Every structure is written in C-alpha cells, then in structure tokens.
Amino acid sequence: MEKKIIVTSKAPAAIGPYSQAVVGNGTLYVSGQIPIDPATGVMPEGLEDQVRQSLKNVLSLVEEAGGNASNVVKCGLFIRDMGAFARINDVYKTFFDADAPARFVVEASNLPKGAQIEIDAIAAL
C-alpha cells in the first residue's frame, strides 16, 4: 500500500502523535480538526464560528491532497452539546451541496483545548 502524509500550514499542526491527514490507496483520512485558526493560533468563541473554522481546516487538508468539498464522502462530528445540532447544521450545509457526504454526530463531554466541535473526514481522491 502506498501511504502519503499530508501536511499544510493552512490547518493547525497536530497537537499529538498523529498526522494532519494521510492518503492510503487513493483515500484521504483527515484527522479530527478543532477550530483553531492556523494563522493566529486562536480559537473563535462562538459555536457557529467554531463549526466554520473546523470545516475550513478539514477542507484545507482535502485541498492540499488535491481534492475539494465534492471529494468528501464522510464526516464525523464530535460536539459538546447535542442541543446545538440545528445551529451546527445551519453552518455545515453551507460547505456541502445537495450531494452532502455521509456523516455521524456524537456528543462528547470534553474536546481538546475546550473546543465545542471537532470534525474528521474521509475523501475519495
């Protein structure tokens, strides 16, 4: 199997012993992206801004690997509050067209650096 590590300064550096993203056999696996702005190192405070930043980080890695939003086939969302589901969806749907990727959403009691959301993804390249 051919394996390629994807790294970009347009998404936050990994905060643990893992890669930002990895391509294996034509499939891109994006590690969970918390909403840190890679240019400033700052996490936005509002939920909608955090969702937006996490998705920007995910798509920066997809683009670095040669894809775009239409290549994303699955996203995983880890959120602090399931009560915010509708607000999260309002932002999420602006990033994907009618052919949105498969997705799961799990409520988590705590996320890295106090984030309200973390998003991972799989993309077919």
C-alpha atoms as a PDB file:
ATOM      1  CA  MET A   1       0.000   0.000   0.000  1.00  0.00           C
ATOM      2  CA  GLU A   2       1.195   3.466  -0.850  1.00  0.00           C
ATOM      3  CA  LYS A   3       0.846   5.902   2.033  1.00  0.00           C
ATOM      4  CA  LYS A   4       1.367   9.658   1.817  1.00  0.00           C
ATOM      5  CA  ILE A   5       1.344  12.063   4.744  1.00  0.00           C
ATOM      6  CA  ILE A   6      -0.468  15.344   4.047  1.00  0.00           C
ATOM      7  CA  VAL A   7       0.757  18.464   5.835  1.00  0.00           C
ATOM      8  CA  THR A   8      -0.337  22.066   5.387  1.00  0.00           C
ATOM      9  CA  SER A   9       0.141  25.303   7.262  1.00  0.00           C
ATOM     10  CA  LYS A  10      -3.475  26.147   6.328  1.00  0.00           C
ATOM     11  CA  ALA A  11      -4.710  23.843   9.111  1.00  0.00           C
ATOM     12  CA  PRO A  12      -3.495  23.662  12.712  1.00  0.00           C
ATOM     13  CA  ALA A  13      -0.479  21.485  13.410  1.00  0.00           C
ATOM     14  CA  ALA A  14      -1.222  18.179  15.104  1.00  0.00           C
ATOM     15  CA  ILE A  15      -1.296  18.505  18.897  1.00  0.00           C
ATOM     16  CA  GLY A  16      -0.374  14.865  19.455  1.00  0.00           C
ATOM     17  CA  PRO A  17       1.462  11.952  17.840  1.00  0.00           C
ATOM     18  CA  TYR A  18      -0.597  11.822  14.634  1.00  0.00           C
ATOM     19  CA  SER A  19      -0.617  13.248  11.100  1.00  0.00           C
ATOM     20  CA  GLN A  20      -2.916  16.033   9.949  1.00  0.00           C
ATOM     21  CA  ALA A  21      -4.066  13.726   7.158  1.00  0.00           C
ATOM     22  CA  VAL A  22      -2.963  10.567   5.364  1.00  0.00           C
ATOM     23  CA  VAL A  23      -3.679   9.248   1.863  1.00  0.00           C
ATOM     24  CA  GLY A  24      -3.793   5.472   1.511  1.00  0.00           C
ATOM     25  CA  ASN A  25      -4.791   3.757  -1.746  1.00  0.00           C
ATOM     26  CA  GLY A  26      -6.465   6.890  -3.101  1.00  0.00           C
ATOM     27  CA  THR A  27      -8.462   7.622   0.041  1.00  0.00           C
ATOM     28  CA  LEU A  28      -7.746  10.626   2.251  1.00  0.00           C
ATOM     29  CA  TYR A  29      -8.224  10.319   6.006  1.00  0.00           C
ATOM     30  CA  VAL A  30      -8.326  13.700   7.760  1.00  0.00           C
ATOM     31  CA  SER A  31      -7.612  13.688  11.489  1.00  0.00           C
ATOM     32  CA  GLY A  32     -10.058  15.475  13.759  1.00  0.00           C
ATOM     33  CA  GLN A  33      -9.844  19.226  13.273  1.00  0.00           C
ATOM     34  CA  ILE A  34     -10.634  21.521  16.151  1.00  0.00           C
ATOM     35  CA  PRO A  35     -11.465  25.149  15.349  1.00  0.00           C
ATOM     36  CA  ILE A  36      -8.059  26.744  15.700  1.00  0.00           C
ATOM     37  CA  ASP A  37      -7.262  29.409  13.122  1.00  0.00           C
ATOM     38  CA  PRO A  38      -3.849  28.290  11.820  1.00  0.00           C
ATOM     39  CA  ALA A  39      -2.830  31.878  11.003  1.00  0.00           C
ATOM     40  CA  THR A  40      -3.376  33.186  14.528  1.00  0.00           C
ATOM     41  CA  GLY A  41      -3.452  30.093  16.745  1.00  0.00           C
ATOM     42  CA  VAL A  42      -6.706  31.421  18.212  1.00  0.00           C
ATOM     43  CA  MET A  43      -9.959  29.511  18.615  1.00  0.00           C
ATOM     44  CA  PRO A  44     -13.128  31.508  17.896  1.00  0.00           C
ATOM     45  CA  GLU A  45     -15.579  31.770  20.788  1.00  0.00           C
ATOM     46  CA  GLY A  46     -18.995  31.334  19.129  1.00  0.00           C
ATOM     47  CA  LEU A  47     -20.295  27.912  18.124  1.00  0.00           C
ATOM     48  CA  GLU A  48     -21.067  28.866  14.529  1.00  0.00           C
ATOM     49  CA  ASP A  49     -17.585  30.344  14.089  1.00  0.00           C
ATOM     50  CA  GLN A  50     -16.066  27.184  15.575  1.00  0.00           C
ATOM     51  CA  VAL A  51     -18.002  24.966  13.146  1.00  0.00           C
ATOM     52  CA  ARG A  52     -16.939  27.190  10.250  1.00  0.00           C
ATOM     53  CA  GLN A  53     -13.250  27.125  11.283  1.00  0.00           C
ATOM     54  CA  SER A  54     -13.194  23.347  11.805  1.00  0.00           C
ATOM     55  CA  LEU A  55     -14.677  22.807   8.342  1.00  0.00           C
ATOM     56  CA  LYS A  56     -12.208  25.266   6.791  1.00  0.00           C
ATOM     57  CA  ASN A  57      -9.390  23.290   8.410  1.00  0.00           C
ATOM     58  CA  VAL A  58     -10.771  19.992   7.086  1.00  0.00           C
ATOM     59  CA  LEU A  59     -11.159  21.369   3.562  1.00  0.00           C
ATOM     60  CA  SER A  60      -7.664  22.894   3.618  1.00  0.00           C
ATOM     61  CA  LEU A  61      -6.291  19.390   4.099  1.00  0.00           C
ATOM     62  CA  VAL A  62      -8.560  17.948   1.399  1.00  0.00           C
ATOM     63  CA  GLU A  63      -7.352  20.658  -0.987  1.00  0.00           C
ATOM     64  CA  GLU A  64      -3.699  20.056  -0.047  1.00  0.00           C
ATOM     65  CA  ALA A  65      -4.227  16.430  -1.090  1.00  0.00           C
ATOM     66  CA  GLY A  66      -5.657  17.542  -4.455  1.00  0.00           C
ATOM     67  CA  GLY A  67      -9.385  17.364  -3.742  1.00  0.00           C
ATOM     68  CA  ASN A  68     -12.251  19.670  -2.858  1.00  0.00           C
ATOM     69  CA  ALA A  69     -15.506  19.530  -0.904  1.00  0.00           C
ATOM     70  CA  SER A  70     -17.121  17.265  -3.522  1.00  0.00           C
ATOM     71  CA  ASN A  71     -14.497  14.582  -2.788  1.00  0.00           C
ATOM     72  CA  VAL A  72     -15.536  14.300   0.867  1.00  0.00           C
ATOM     73  CA  VAL A  73     -17.517  11.079   1.351  1.00  0.00           C
ATOM     74  CA  LYS A  74     -17.881  11.037   5.140  1.00  0.00           C
ATOM     75  CA  CYS A  75     -17.539  13.423   8.076  1.00  0.00           C
ATOM     76  CA  GLY A  76     -17.526  12.686  11.767  1.00  0.00           C
ATOM     77  CA  LEU A  77     -18.622  15.421  14.151  1.00  0.00           C
ATOM     78  CA  PHE A  78     -17.854  15.347  17.841  1.00  0.00           C
ATOM     79  CA  ILE A  79     -19.856  18.052  19.595  1.00  0.00           C
ATOM     80  CA  ARG A  80     -20.173  19.224  23.189  1.00  0.00           C
ATOM     81  CA  ASP A  81     -23.939  19.822  23.113  1.00  0.00           C
ATOM     82  CA  MET A  82     -26.473  17.866  21.048  1.00  0.00           C
ATOM     83  CA  GLY A  83     -28.890  20.716  21.751  1.00  0.00           C
ATOM     84  CA  ALA A  84     -26.848  22.768  19.255  1.00  0.00           C
ATOM     85  CA  PHE A  85     -27.468  20.248  16.441  1.00  0.00           C
ATOM     86  CA  ALA A  86     -29.652  22.592  14.347  1.00  0.00           C
ATOM     87  CA  ARG A  87     -27.210  25.502  14.695  1.00  0.00           C
ATOM     88  CA  ILE A  88     -24.342  23.255  13.622  1.00  0.00           C
ATOM     89  CA  ASN A  89     -26.334  22.015  10.611  1.00  0.00           C
ATOM     90  CA  ASP A  90     -27.050  25.599   9.521  1.00  0.00           C
ATOM     91  CA  VAL A  91     -23.310  26.232   9.133  1.00  0.00           C
ATOM     92  CA  TYR A  92     -22.424  22.729   7.901  1.00  0.00           C
ATOM     93  CA  LYS A  93     -24.838  22.866   4.959  1.00  0.00           C
ATOM     94  CA  THR A  94     -23.085  25.970   3.574  1.00  0.00           C
ATOM     95  CA  PHE A  95     -19.959  23.871   2.942  1.00  0.00           C
ATOM     96  CA  PHE A  96     -21.576  20.985   1.042  1.00  0.00           C
ATOM     97  CA  ASP A  97     -24.118  20.943  -1.787  1.00  0.00           C
ATOM     98  CA  ALA A  98     -27.141  18.646  -2.122  1.00  0.00           C
ATOM     99  CA  ASP A  99     -24.790  15.661  -2.504  1.00  0.00           C
ATOM    100  CA  ALA A 100     -23.552  16.010   1.076  1.00  0.00           C
ATOM    101  CA  PRO A 101     -21.228  13.351   2.483  1.00  0.00           C
ATOM    102  CA  ALA A 102     -22.344  10.638   4.873  1.00  0.00           C
ATOM    103  CA  ARG A 103     -21.963  11.775   8.461  1.00  0.00           C
ATOM    104  CA  PHE A 104     -22.173  10.867  12.098  1.00  0.00           C
ATOM    105  CA  VAL A 105     -22.572  13.169  15.090  1.00  0.00           C
ATOM    106  CA  VAL A 106     -21.604  12.176  18.623  1.00  0.00           C
ATOM    107  CA  GLU A 107     -21.942  14.259  21.763  1.00  0.00           C
ATOM    108  CA  ALA A 108     -18.667  14.295  23.703  1.00  0.00           C
ATOM    109  CA  SER A 109     -18.255  15.541  27.257  1.00  0.00           C
ATOM    110  CA  ASN A 110     -14.909  17.190  26.531  1.00  0.00           C
ATOM    111  CA  LEU A 111     -12.851  18.050  23.457  1.00  0.00           C
ATOM    112  CA  PRO A 112      -9.224  19.177  23.048  1.00  0.00           C
ATOM    113  CA  LYS A 113      -8.445  22.730  24.160  1.00  0.00           C
ATOM    114  CA  GLY A 114     -12.054  23.282  25.233  1.00  0.00           C
ATOM    115  CA  ALA A 115     -13.413  23.237  21.668  1.00  0.00           C
ATOM    116  CA  GLN A 116     -17.160  22.920  21.125  1.00  0.00           C
ATOM    117  CA  ILE A 117     -16.661  20.804  17.988  1.00  0.00           C
ATOM    118  CA  GLU A 118     -14.112  18.533  16.301  1.00  0.00           C
ATOM    119  CA  ILE A 119     -14.560  17.256  12.750  1.00  0.00           C
ATOM    120  CA  ASP A 120     -12.775  14.459  10.906  1.00  0.00           C
ATOM    121  CA  ALA A 121     -13.329  13.394   7.307  1.00  0.00           C
ATOM    122  CA  ILE A 122     -12.725  10.799   4.636  1.00  0.00           C
ATOM    123  CA  ALA A 123     -12.366  11.844   0.998  1.00  0.00           C
ATOM    124  CA  ALA A 124     -12.112   9.823  -2.210  1.00  0.00           C
ATOM    125  CA  LEU A 125      -9.384  11.319  -4.389  1.00  0.00           C
END
